Amino acid sequence: MTVILLNGVGSAGKSSIARALQEILAGVWLHVAMDAFIEMLPGHLQDDPATFSYSDIAGDAGPPEIDIQTGEAGRRLLMGMRSAVAAMARLGNDIIVDDVLLGDGLADYEQQLAGTRFLKIGVMAPLDVLEEREAARGDRMAGLARWQFSRVHAGASYDFELDSSNATPGICAERIVDRFGLSRRTTFHI
């Protein structure tokens, strides 16, 4: 079993790279997205001190910068996600995780995934590219990328780093497959 962790700022392209990996990798690869776990929360807890609360710390001083505070229920949710990934891996599933790790999240994954092939990949892009993508998506608060930019990769040690600003998700996926010698899906044409 192998777990590929794609860690990066929101709008870095992690989900697109994960889907591209699923298309080219041999075997069954599950895609576990942090967003799917956050979407498990009811609507009234999407911006709440118990889970995750958001505030613009830039105010009128410049471009928006959304500060994220994680409450106790939010911490349990994220720890549960990492435990779920570890449980699925222990059962023999190959997994691609896309996450936005802050604090001790990477260390928690490393501890929980001891004994598995755990590939840590940092998905990078310049701030202006992230903010442009964030605005184009329309489903993100303006300023999330700015706040996460200096925090997500701070102190992280990766097996591989990708700059998603100068490559398509497919090319990024190819680079991951090549770097780690992962098995490709065989396509048969009749």
N, C-alpha and C. Protein backbone atom coordinates (compact mmCIF):
# COMPACT_ATOMS: atom_id res chain seq x y z
N MET A 1 0.83 -1.18 0.00
CA MET A 1 0.00 0.00 0.00
C MET A 1 0.87 1.23 0.00
N THR A 2 0.42 2.24 -0.73
CA THR A 2 1.14 3.50 -0.85
C THR A 2 0.17 4.64 -0.59
N VAL A 3 0.64 5.63 0.14
CA VAL A 3 -0.12 6.86 0.35
C VAL A 3 0.69 8.00 -0.24
N ILE A 4 0.07 8.72 -1.17
CA ILE A 4 0.67 9.90 -1.77
C ILE A 4 -0.03 11.10 -1.14
N LEU A 5 0.71 11.91 -0.42
CA LEU A 5 0.17 13.13 0.17
C LEU A 5 0.53 14.31 -0.70
N LEU A 6 -0.48 15.05 -1.16
CA LEU A 6 -0.29 16.30 -1.88
C LEU A 6 -0.65 17.41 -0.90
N ASN A 7 0.35 18.15 -0.44
CA ASN A 7 0.12 19.23 0.51
C ASN A 7 0.41 20.56 -0.16
N GLY A 8 -0.51 21.49 0.00
CA GLY A 8 -0.29 22.81 -0.58
C GLY A 8 -1.41 23.77 -0.23
N VAL A 9 -1.17 25.01 -0.54
CA VAL A 9 -2.14 26.08 -0.33
C VAL A 9 -3.38 25.78 -1.17
N GLY A 10 -4.54 26.22 -0.68
CA GLY A 10 -5.76 26.09 -1.46
C GLY A 10 -5.56 26.70 -2.84
N SER A 11 -6.09 26.09 -3.87
CA SER A 11 -6.00 26.51 -5.27
C SER A 11 -4.63 26.23 -5.90
N ALA A 12 -3.80 25.42 -5.23
CA ALA A 12 -2.50 25.05 -5.81
C ALA A 12 -2.65 23.99 -6.90
N GLY A 13 -3.79 23.31 -6.96
CA GLY A 13 -4.01 22.29 -7.98
C GLY A 13 -3.96 20.87 -7.47
N LYS A 14 -4.02 20.68 -6.16
CA LYS A 14 -3.88 19.34 -5.57
C LYS A 14 -4.97 18.39 -6.04
N SER A 15 -6.21 18.83 -6.04
CA SER A 15 -7.31 17.94 -6.45
C SER A 15 -7.20 17.55 -7.92
N SER A 16 -6.82 18.51 -8.75
CA SER A 16 -6.65 18.21 -10.18
C SER A 16 -5.51 17.23 -10.40
N ILE A 17 -4.42 17.40 -9.66
CA ILE A 17 -3.29 16.47 -9.77
C ILE A 17 -3.71 15.09 -9.28
N ALA A 18 -4.48 15.03 -8.19
CA ALA A 18 -4.96 13.74 -7.66
C ALA A 18 -5.79 13.01 -8.70
N ARG A 19 -6.71 13.73 -9.36
CA ARG A 19 -7.54 13.09 -10.39
C ARG A 19 -6.68 12.63 -11.57
N ALA A 20 -5.68 13.43 -11.94
CA ALA A 20 -4.78 13.02 -13.04
C ALA A 20 -4.00 11.77 -12.66
N LEU A 21 -3.55 11.70 -11.40
CA LEU A 21 -2.85 10.49 -10.94
C LEU A 21 -3.76 9.27 -11.03
N GLN A 22 -5.02 9.42 -10.62
CA GLN A 22 -5.94 8.29 -10.69
C GLN A 22 -6.09 7.77 -12.11
N GLU A 23 -5.98 8.66 -13.09
CA GLU A 23 -6.15 8.26 -14.49
C GLU A 23 -4.94 7.49 -15.03
N ILE A 24 -3.76 7.75 -14.48
CA ILE A 24 -2.57 7.12 -15.08
C ILE A 24 -1.97 6.00 -14.23
N LEU A 25 -2.34 5.93 -12.96
CA LEU A 25 -1.76 4.89 -12.10
C LEU A 25 -2.47 3.56 -12.28
N ALA A 26 -1.69 2.49 -12.25
CA ALA A 26 -2.25 1.14 -12.30
C ALA A 26 -2.91 0.82 -10.96
N GLY A 27 -3.95 0.05 -10.99
CA GLY A 27 -4.62 -0.36 -9.77
C GLY A 27 -5.70 0.61 -9.34
N VAL A 28 -6.17 0.40 -8.13
CA VAL A 28 -7.25 1.22 -7.57
C VAL A 28 -6.64 2.22 -6.60
N TRP A 29 -6.78 3.48 -6.92
CA TRP A 29 -6.26 4.56 -6.07
C TRP A 29 -7.44 5.41 -5.61
N LEU A 30 -7.59 5.52 -4.31
CA LEU A 30 -8.66 6.33 -3.73
C LEU A 30 -8.17 7.76 -3.55
N HIS A 31 -9.04 8.72 -3.80
CA HIS A 31 -8.70 10.13 -3.62
C HIS A 31 -9.43 10.63 -2.38
N VAL A 32 -8.67 11.02 -1.37
CA VAL A 32 -9.22 11.55 -0.13
C VAL A 32 -8.90 13.04 -0.09
N ALA A 33 -9.95 13.86 -0.07
CA ALA A 33 -9.78 15.31 -0.11
C ALA A 33 -10.21 15.93 1.22
N MET A 34 -9.37 16.84 1.73
CA MET A 34 -9.71 17.55 2.95
C MET A 34 -11.04 18.27 2.80
N ASP A 35 -11.28 18.85 1.63
CA ASP A 35 -12.54 19.57 1.41
C ASP A 35 -13.75 18.69 1.66
N ALA A 36 -13.67 17.42 1.27
CA ALA A 36 -14.80 16.50 1.48
C ALA A 36 -15.08 16.30 2.96
N PHE A 37 -14.04 16.29 3.78
CA PHE A 37 -14.23 16.14 5.22
C PHE A 37 -14.83 17.41 5.81
N ILE A 38 -14.37 18.56 5.38
CA ILE A 38 -14.92 19.82 5.89
C ILE A 38 -16.38 19.96 5.47
N GLU A 39 -16.72 19.49 4.28
CA GLU A 39 -18.10 19.55 3.80
C GLU A 39 -19.02 18.62 4.58
N MET A 40 -18.47 17.73 5.41
CA MET A 40 -19.31 16.88 6.26
C MET A 40 -19.99 17.70 7.35
N LEU A 41 -19.42 18.86 7.67
CA LEU A 41 -20.01 19.71 8.70
C LEU A 41 -21.32 20.30 8.22
N PRO A 42 -22.28 20.47 9.11
CA PRO A 42 -23.51 21.15 8.71
C PRO A 42 -23.22 22.61 8.38
N GLY A 43 -24.06 23.20 7.56
CA GLY A 43 -23.86 24.57 7.11
C GLY A 43 -23.63 25.57 8.22
N HIS A 44 -24.38 25.45 9.31
CA HIS A 44 -24.26 26.44 10.38
C HIS A 44 -22.93 26.34 11.14
N LEU A 45 -22.15 25.28 10.90
CA LEU A 45 -20.84 25.15 11.55
C LEU A 45 -19.67 25.36 10.57
N GLN A 46 -19.96 25.88 9.38
CA GLN A 46 -18.90 26.12 8.40
C GLN A 46 -18.03 27.32 8.76
N ASP A 47 -18.53 28.22 9.58
CA ASP A 47 -17.75 29.37 10.07
C ASP A 47 -18.15 29.57 11.52
N ASP A 48 -17.54 28.76 12.39
CA ASP A 48 -17.94 28.73 13.79
C ASP A 48 -16.71 28.46 14.65
N PRO A 49 -16.59 29.10 15.81
CA PRO A 49 -15.42 28.88 16.66
C PRO A 49 -15.21 27.42 17.07
N ALA A 50 -16.27 26.62 17.08
CA ALA A 50 -16.12 25.21 17.46
C ALA A 50 -15.40 24.40 16.38
N THR A 51 -15.51 24.85 15.12
CA THR A 51 -14.92 24.10 14.01
C THR A 51 -13.80 24.92 13.37
N PHE A 52 -14.17 25.78 12.45
CA PHE A 52 -13.22 26.66 11.77
C PHE A 52 -13.86 28.03 11.65
N SER A 53 -13.15 29.04 12.10
CA SER A 53 -13.67 30.40 11.97
C SER A 53 -12.71 31.23 11.13
N TYR A 54 -13.27 32.16 10.38
CA TYR A 54 -12.53 32.92 9.39
C TYR A 54 -12.73 34.41 9.64
N SER A 55 -11.63 35.16 9.58
CA SER A 55 -11.75 36.61 9.70
C SER A 55 -10.69 37.28 8.83
N ASP A 56 -11.07 38.42 8.24
CA ASP A 56 -10.15 39.18 7.39
C ASP A 56 -9.26 40.02 8.29
N ILE A 57 -7.98 39.63 8.36
CA ILE A 57 -7.06 40.34 9.25
C ILE A 57 -6.40 41.52 8.56
N ALA A 58 -6.57 41.66 7.24
CA ALA A 58 -5.98 42.79 6.52
C ALA A 58 -6.84 44.04 6.66
N GLY A 59 -8.15 43.84 6.77
CA GLY A 59 -9.06 44.98 6.86
C GLY A 59 -8.92 45.87 5.64
N ASP A 60 -8.84 47.18 5.88
CA ASP A 60 -8.69 48.14 4.79
C ASP A 60 -7.23 48.39 4.44
N ALA A 61 -6.31 47.68 5.10
CA ALA A 61 -4.87 47.93 4.94
C ALA A 61 -4.29 47.38 3.65
N GLY A 62 -5.02 46.54 2.94
CA GLY A 62 -4.46 45.96 1.72
C GLY A 62 -5.35 44.84 1.23
N PRO A 63 -4.77 43.93 0.43
CA PRO A 63 -5.57 42.83 -0.09
C PRO A 63 -6.08 41.95 1.06
N PRO A 64 -7.23 41.31 0.85
CA PRO A 64 -7.78 40.46 1.91
C PRO A 64 -6.82 39.35 2.31
N GLU A 65 -6.83 39.06 3.59
CA GLU A 65 -6.06 37.94 4.13
C GLU A 65 -6.92 37.29 5.20
N ILE A 66 -7.40 36.10 4.92
CA ILE A 66 -8.34 35.42 5.80
C ILE A 66 -7.60 34.54 6.80
N ASP A 67 -7.70 34.90 8.06
CA ASP A 67 -7.12 34.11 9.16
C ASP A 67 -8.07 32.96 9.47
N ILE A 68 -7.51 31.79 9.67
CA ILE A 68 -8.31 30.60 10.00
C ILE A 68 -7.97 30.18 11.43
N GLN A 69 -8.97 30.08 12.26
CA GLN A 69 -8.81 29.55 13.61
C GLN A 69 -9.53 28.21 13.67
N THR A 70 -8.87 27.22 14.24
CA THR A 70 -9.44 25.88 14.32
C THR A 70 -9.87 25.60 15.74
N GLY A 71 -11.16 25.28 15.89
CA GLY A 71 -11.72 24.93 17.20
C GLY A 71 -11.54 23.45 17.49
N GLU A 72 -11.98 23.04 18.67
CA GLU A 72 -11.81 21.64 19.10
C GLU A 72 -12.49 20.66 18.15
N ALA A 73 -13.71 20.94 17.73
CA ALA A 73 -14.40 20.03 16.80
C ALA A 73 -13.68 19.99 15.45
N GLY A 74 -13.12 21.11 15.02
CA GLY A 74 -12.34 21.14 13.78
C GLY A 74 -11.08 20.31 13.89
N ARG A 75 -10.40 20.40 15.03
CA ARG A 75 -9.20 19.57 15.25
C ARG A 75 -9.55 18.08 15.21
N ARG A 76 -10.66 17.72 15.86
CA ARG A 76 -11.07 16.30 15.85
C ARG A 76 -11.39 15.84 14.43
N LEU A 77 -12.02 16.71 13.65
CA LEU A 77 -12.35 16.36 12.27
C LEU A 77 -11.08 16.08 11.47
N LEU A 78 -10.08 16.96 11.58
CA LEU A 78 -8.84 16.77 10.83
C LEU A 78 -8.05 15.56 11.32
N MET A 79 -8.03 15.34 12.63
CA MET A 79 -7.37 14.15 13.17
C MET A 79 -8.10 12.89 12.70
N GLY A 80 -9.42 12.97 12.63
CA GLY A 80 -10.22 11.84 12.14
C GLY A 80 -9.92 11.54 10.69
N MET A 81 -9.72 12.59 9.88
CA MET A 81 -9.37 12.37 8.48
C MET A 81 -8.06 11.62 8.37
N ARG A 82 -7.05 12.05 9.13
CA ARG A 82 -5.76 11.38 9.07
C ARG A 82 -5.86 9.94 9.57
N SER A 83 -6.66 9.72 10.61
CA SER A 83 -6.86 8.35 11.11
C SER A 83 -7.58 7.49 10.09
N ALA A 84 -8.55 8.08 9.38
CA ALA A 84 -9.28 7.34 8.35
C ALA A 84 -8.34 6.94 7.21
N VAL A 85 -7.48 7.86 6.80
CA VAL A 85 -6.50 7.55 5.75
C VAL A 85 -5.62 6.40 6.21
N ALA A 86 -5.12 6.46 7.44
CA ALA A 86 -4.26 5.40 7.96
C ALA A 86 -4.99 4.07 8.02
N ALA A 87 -6.25 4.09 8.45
CA ALA A 87 -7.03 2.85 8.54
C ALA A 87 -7.23 2.24 7.15
N MET A 88 -7.55 3.06 6.17
CA MET A 88 -7.74 2.55 4.81
C MET A 88 -6.44 1.99 4.25
N ALA A 89 -5.33 2.67 4.54
CA ALA A 89 -4.03 2.18 4.06
C ALA A 89 -3.68 0.84 4.71
N ARG A 90 -3.94 0.72 6.02
CA ARG A 90 -3.64 -0.55 6.71
C ARG A 90 -4.45 -1.71 6.13
N LEU A 91 -5.59 -1.41 5.53
CA LEU A 91 -6.42 -2.45 4.91
C LEU A 91 -5.98 -2.76 3.47
N GLY A 92 -4.90 -2.10 3.02
CA GLY A 92 -4.35 -2.42 1.71
C GLY A 92 -4.74 -1.47 0.60
N ASN A 93 -5.36 -0.36 0.92
CA ASN A 93 -5.76 0.61 -0.11
C ASN A 93 -4.61 1.55 -0.45
N ASP A 94 -4.45 1.82 -1.74
CA ASP A 94 -3.55 2.87 -2.20
C ASP A 94 -4.36 4.17 -2.22
N ILE A 95 -3.76 5.24 -1.70
CA ILE A 95 -4.52 6.47 -1.46
C ILE A 95 -3.73 7.69 -1.93
N ILE A 96 -4.45 8.62 -2.52
CA ILE A 96 -3.92 9.95 -2.84
C ILE A 96 -4.69 10.92 -1.96
N VAL A 97 -3.96 11.65 -1.12
CA VAL A 97 -4.58 12.60 -0.19
C VAL A 97 -4.26 14.00 -0.66
N ASP A 98 -5.28 14.87 -0.73
CA ASP A 98 -4.98 16.27 -0.93
C ASP A 98 -5.42 17.03 0.30
N ASP A 99 -4.45 17.75 0.87
CA ASP A 99 -4.63 18.36 2.17
C ASP A 99 -3.96 19.73 2.21
N VAL A 100 -4.36 20.52 3.19
CA VAL A 100 -3.73 21.80 3.50
C VAL A 100 -3.28 21.67 4.94
N LEU A 101 -2.02 21.29 5.13
CA LEU A 101 -1.53 20.99 6.47
C LEU A 101 -0.92 22.20 7.15
N LEU A 102 -1.34 22.41 8.38
CA LEU A 102 -0.79 23.45 9.23
C LEU A 102 -0.39 22.79 10.54
N GLY A 103 0.60 23.34 11.20
CA GLY A 103 0.98 22.82 12.51
C GLY A 103 1.55 21.42 12.42
N ASP A 104 1.03 20.53 13.28
CA ASP A 104 1.60 19.18 13.40
C ASP A 104 0.92 18.14 12.51
N GLY A 105 0.17 18.56 11.51
CA GLY A 105 -0.53 17.62 10.64
C GLY A 105 0.37 16.65 9.93
N LEU A 106 1.51 17.13 9.41
CA LEU A 106 2.43 16.24 8.70
C LEU A 106 3.03 15.22 9.64
N ALA A 107 3.40 15.64 10.84
CA ALA A 107 3.96 14.70 11.82
C ALA A 107 2.93 13.65 12.22
N ASP A 108 1.66 14.06 12.31
CA ASP A 108 0.60 13.11 12.64
C ASP A 108 0.46 12.06 11.53
N TYR A 109 0.46 12.51 10.27
CA TYR A 109 0.43 11.55 9.15
C TYR A 109 1.61 10.59 9.24
N GLU A 110 2.82 11.12 9.46
CA GLU A 110 4.01 10.27 9.51
C GLU A 110 3.88 9.22 10.60
N GLN A 111 3.38 9.60 11.75
CA GLN A 111 3.21 8.65 12.85
C GLN A 111 2.16 7.61 12.50
N GLN A 112 1.02 8.06 12.01
CA GLN A 112 -0.07 7.13 11.73
C GLN A 112 0.21 6.22 10.54
N LEU A 113 1.05 6.68 9.62
CA LEU A 113 1.33 5.89 8.42
C LEU A 113 2.66 5.13 8.49
N ALA A 114 3.23 5.03 9.67
CA ALA A 114 4.46 4.25 9.84
C ALA A 114 4.21 2.84 9.33
N GLY A 115 5.14 2.34 8.55
CA GLY A 115 5.00 1.00 8.00
C GLY A 115 4.37 0.97 6.62
N THR A 116 3.94 2.13 6.12
CA THR A 116 3.41 2.19 4.76
C THR A 116 4.39 2.96 3.90
N ARG A 117 4.24 2.87 2.61
CA ARG A 117 5.01 3.72 1.70
C ARG A 117 4.29 5.06 1.66
N PHE A 118 4.89 6.05 2.27
CA PHE A 118 4.26 7.36 2.42
C PHE A 118 5.09 8.39 1.65
N LEU A 119 4.53 8.89 0.56
CA LEU A 119 5.22 9.84 -0.31
C LEU A 119 4.67 11.23 -0.06
N LYS A 120 5.51 12.11 0.44
CA LYS A 120 5.10 13.47 0.80
C LYS A 120 5.50 14.42 -0.32
N ILE A 121 4.49 15.05 -0.92
CA ILE A 121 4.74 15.94 -2.06
C ILE A 121 4.20 17.32 -1.74
N GLY A 122 5.08 18.30 -1.85
CA GLY A 122 4.68 19.70 -1.69
C GLY A 122 4.27 20.26 -3.04
N VAL A 123 3.05 20.76 -3.12
CA VAL A 123 2.54 21.37 -4.35
C VAL A 123 2.61 22.88 -4.17
N MET A 124 3.49 23.51 -4.94
CA MET A 124 3.79 24.93 -4.78
C MET A 124 3.29 25.73 -5.98
N ALA A 125 3.13 27.03 -5.75
CA ALA A 125 2.86 28.00 -6.81
C ALA A 125 3.08 29.38 -6.21
N PRO A 126 3.48 30.34 -7.04
CA PRO A 126 3.66 31.71 -6.52
C PRO A 126 2.32 32.28 -6.03
N LEU A 127 2.40 33.20 -5.07
CA LEU A 127 1.20 33.77 -4.47
C LEU A 127 0.29 34.42 -5.50
N ASP A 128 0.83 35.14 -6.46
CA ASP A 128 -0.04 35.80 -7.44
C ASP A 128 -0.83 34.78 -8.26
N VAL A 129 -0.23 33.66 -8.57
CA VAL A 129 -0.94 32.60 -9.30
C VAL A 129 -2.04 32.00 -8.43
N LEU A 130 -1.72 31.73 -7.16
CA LEU A 130 -2.72 31.17 -6.24
C LEU A 130 -3.90 32.11 -6.08
N GLU A 131 -3.63 33.40 -5.94
CA GLU A 131 -4.72 34.37 -5.77
C GLU A 131 -5.56 34.50 -7.04
N GLU A 132 -4.92 34.41 -8.17
CA GLU A 132 -5.65 34.46 -9.45
C GLU A 132 -6.57 33.24 -9.56
N ARG A 133 -6.05 32.06 -9.23
CA ARG A 133 -6.87 30.83 -9.28
C ARG A 133 -8.00 30.91 -8.26
N GLU A 134 -7.69 31.40 -7.06
CA GLU A 134 -8.68 31.52 -6.00
C GLU A 134 -9.85 32.38 -6.48
N ALA A 135 -9.57 33.51 -7.12
CA ALA A 135 -10.62 34.40 -7.62
C ALA A 135 -11.41 33.75 -8.75
N ALA A 136 -10.71 33.03 -9.64
CA ALA A 136 -11.37 32.40 -10.78
C ALA A 136 -12.31 31.27 -10.35
N ARG A 137 -11.98 30.58 -9.28
CA ARG A 137 -12.79 29.45 -8.83
C ARG A 137 -14.16 29.89 -8.37
N GLY A 138 -14.19 30.97 -7.63
CA GLY A 138 -15.48 31.46 -7.14
C GLY A 138 -16.03 30.73 -5.93
N ASP A 139 -15.37 29.66 -5.48
CA ASP A 139 -15.87 28.92 -4.32
C ASP A 139 -14.94 29.06 -3.12
N ARG A 140 -14.04 30.03 -3.17
CA ARG A 140 -13.10 30.27 -2.08
C ARG A 140 -13.23 31.72 -1.60
N MET A 141 -12.98 31.92 -0.32
CA MET A 141 -12.93 33.27 0.21
C MET A 141 -11.64 33.93 -0.26
N ALA A 142 -11.77 35.14 -0.80
CA ALA A 142 -10.58 35.89 -1.20
C ALA A 142 -9.74 36.14 0.04
N GLY A 143 -8.47 35.76 -0.03
CA GLY A 143 -7.55 35.97 1.08
C GLY A 143 -7.10 34.69 1.77
N LEU A 144 -7.76 33.55 1.47
CA LEU A 144 -7.32 32.28 2.07
C LEU A 144 -5.91 31.93 1.61
N ALA A 145 -5.66 32.02 0.31
CA ALA A 145 -4.35 31.66 -0.21
C ALA A 145 -3.27 32.55 0.40
N ARG A 146 -3.54 33.83 0.54
CA ARG A 146 -2.55 34.76 1.11
C ARG A 146 -2.18 34.34 2.53
N TRP A 147 -3.18 33.99 3.35
CA TRP A 147 -2.91 33.60 4.73
C TRP A 147 -2.17 32.27 4.80
N GLN A 148 -2.56 31.31 3.96
CA GLN A 148 -1.94 29.99 3.99
C GLN A 148 -0.54 29.98 3.41
N PHE A 149 -0.25 30.92 2.51
CA PHE A 149 0.99 30.89 1.72
C PHE A 149 2.25 30.73 2.56
N SER A 150 2.39 31.48 3.62
CA SER A 150 3.62 31.41 4.43
C SER A 150 3.55 30.32 5.50
N ARG A 151 2.42 29.67 5.63
CA ARG A 151 2.22 28.72 6.72
C ARG A 151 2.23 27.25 6.30
N VAL A 152 1.67 26.95 5.14
CA VAL A 152 1.44 25.55 4.77
C VAL A 152 2.73 24.74 4.63
N HIS A 153 3.75 25.31 4.05
CA HIS A 153 4.99 24.56 3.83
C HIS A 153 6.05 24.85 4.90
N ALA A 154 5.73 25.71 5.87
CA ALA A 154 6.71 26.09 6.89
C ALA A 154 7.17 24.87 7.68
N GLY A 155 8.45 24.60 7.64
CA GLY A 155 9.04 23.49 8.38
C GLY A 155 8.78 22.11 7.80
N ALA A 156 8.08 22.03 6.67
CA ALA A 156 7.76 20.72 6.08
C ALA A 156 8.94 20.19 5.28
N SER A 157 9.14 18.90 5.36
CA SER A 157 10.17 18.21 4.58
C SER A 157 9.45 17.24 3.64
N TYR A 158 9.70 17.40 2.35
CA TYR A 158 9.00 16.60 1.35
C TYR A 158 9.95 15.64 0.64
N ASP A 159 9.36 14.60 0.07
CA ASP A 159 10.10 13.69 -0.79
C ASP A 159 10.25 14.26 -2.19
N PHE A 160 9.34 15.18 -2.54
CA PHE A 160 9.32 15.77 -3.88
C PHE A 160 8.51 17.05 -3.81
N GLU A 161 8.93 18.05 -4.58
CA GLU A 161 8.19 19.31 -4.67
C GLU A 161 7.87 19.59 -6.12
N LEU A 162 6.66 20.11 -6.35
CA LEU A 162 6.20 20.45 -7.69
C LEU A 162 5.78 21.91 -7.72
N ASP A 163 6.08 22.60 -8.82
CA ASP A 163 5.55 23.94 -9.05
C ASP A 163 4.40 23.78 -10.04
N SER A 164 3.18 23.92 -9.54
CA SER A 164 2.01 23.69 -10.39
C SER A 164 1.68 24.90 -11.26
N SER A 165 2.45 25.99 -11.13
CA SER A 165 2.16 27.18 -11.93
C SER A 165 2.67 27.04 -13.36
N ASN A 166 3.61 26.14 -13.57
CA ASN A 166 4.21 26.02 -14.91
C ASN A 166 4.01 24.64 -15.52
N ALA A 167 3.03 23.89 -15.03
CA ALA A 167 2.75 22.55 -15.56
C ALA A 167 1.28 22.22 -15.35
N THR A 168 0.72 21.50 -16.29
CA THR A 168 -0.67 21.05 -16.15
C THR A 168 -0.75 19.99 -15.07
N PRO A 169 -1.96 19.72 -14.55
CA PRO A 169 -2.10 18.62 -13.59
C PRO A 169 -1.60 17.30 -14.16
N GLY A 170 -1.82 17.06 -15.45
CA GLY A 170 -1.34 15.82 -16.06
C GLY A 170 0.17 15.71 -16.05
N ILE A 171 0.84 16.81 -16.36
CA ILE A 171 2.31 16.81 -16.34
C ILE A 171 2.81 16.63 -14.91
N CYS A 172 2.16 17.29 -13.95
CA CYS A 172 2.55 17.11 -12.54
C CYS A 172 2.39 15.65 -12.13
N ALA A 173 1.29 15.02 -12.54
CA ALA A 173 1.06 13.61 -12.22
C ALA A 173 2.15 12.74 -12.85
N GLU A 174 2.49 13.01 -14.11
CA GLU A 174 3.56 12.26 -14.79
C GLU A 174 4.88 12.39 -14.03
N ARG A 175 5.17 13.58 -13.56
CA ARG A 175 6.42 13.80 -12.81
C ARG A 175 6.45 12.99 -11.52
N ILE A 176 5.32 12.90 -10.86
CA ILE A 176 5.24 12.10 -9.62
C ILE A 176 5.46 10.62 -9.94
N VAL A 177 4.76 10.13 -10.96
CA VAL A 177 4.89 8.72 -11.35
C VAL A 177 6.34 8.39 -11.70
N ASP A 178 6.96 9.26 -12.49
CA ASP A 178 8.35 9.04 -12.90
C ASP A 178 9.31 9.11 -11.70
N ARG A 179 9.11 10.09 -10.84
CA ARG A 179 10.03 10.30 -9.70
C ARG A 179 10.06 9.08 -8.78
N PHE A 180 8.88 8.46 -8.57
CA PHE A 180 8.79 7.37 -7.60
C PHE A 180 8.68 5.99 -8.25
N GLY A 181 8.76 5.92 -9.57
CA GLY A 181 8.69 4.63 -10.26
C GLY A 181 7.38 3.91 -10.03
N LEU A 182 6.29 4.64 -10.00
CA LEU A 182 4.97 4.04 -9.78
C LEU A 182 4.50 3.36 -11.06
N SER A 183 3.68 2.34 -10.91
CA SER A 183 3.20 1.57 -12.07
C SER A 183 2.09 2.33 -12.79
N ARG A 184 2.22 2.36 -14.10
CA ARG A 184 1.23 3.03 -14.94
C ARG A 184 0.15 2.06 -15.39
N ARG A 185 -1.00 2.60 -15.58
CA ARG A 185 -2.11 1.85 -16.12
C ARG A 185 -1.81 1.51 -17.57
N THR A 186 -2.14 0.30 -17.98
CA THR A 186 -1.93 -0.12 -19.36
C THR A 186 -3.25 0.06 -20.10
N THR A 187 -3.17 0.74 -21.23
CA THR A 187 -4.36 0.95 -22.04
C THR A 187 -4.30 0.03 -23.23
N PHE A 188 -5.40 -0.67 -23.49
CA PHE A 188 -5.49 -1.57 -24.63
C PHE A 188 -6.38 -0.96 -25.68
N HIS A 189 -5.89 -0.93 -26.90
CA HIS A 189 -6.69 -0.45 -28.03
C HIS A 189 -7.03 -1.63 -28.92
N ILE A 190 -8.30 -1.73 -29.28
CA ILE A 190 -8.72 -2.83 -30.16
C ILE A 190 -8.98 -2.32 -31.54
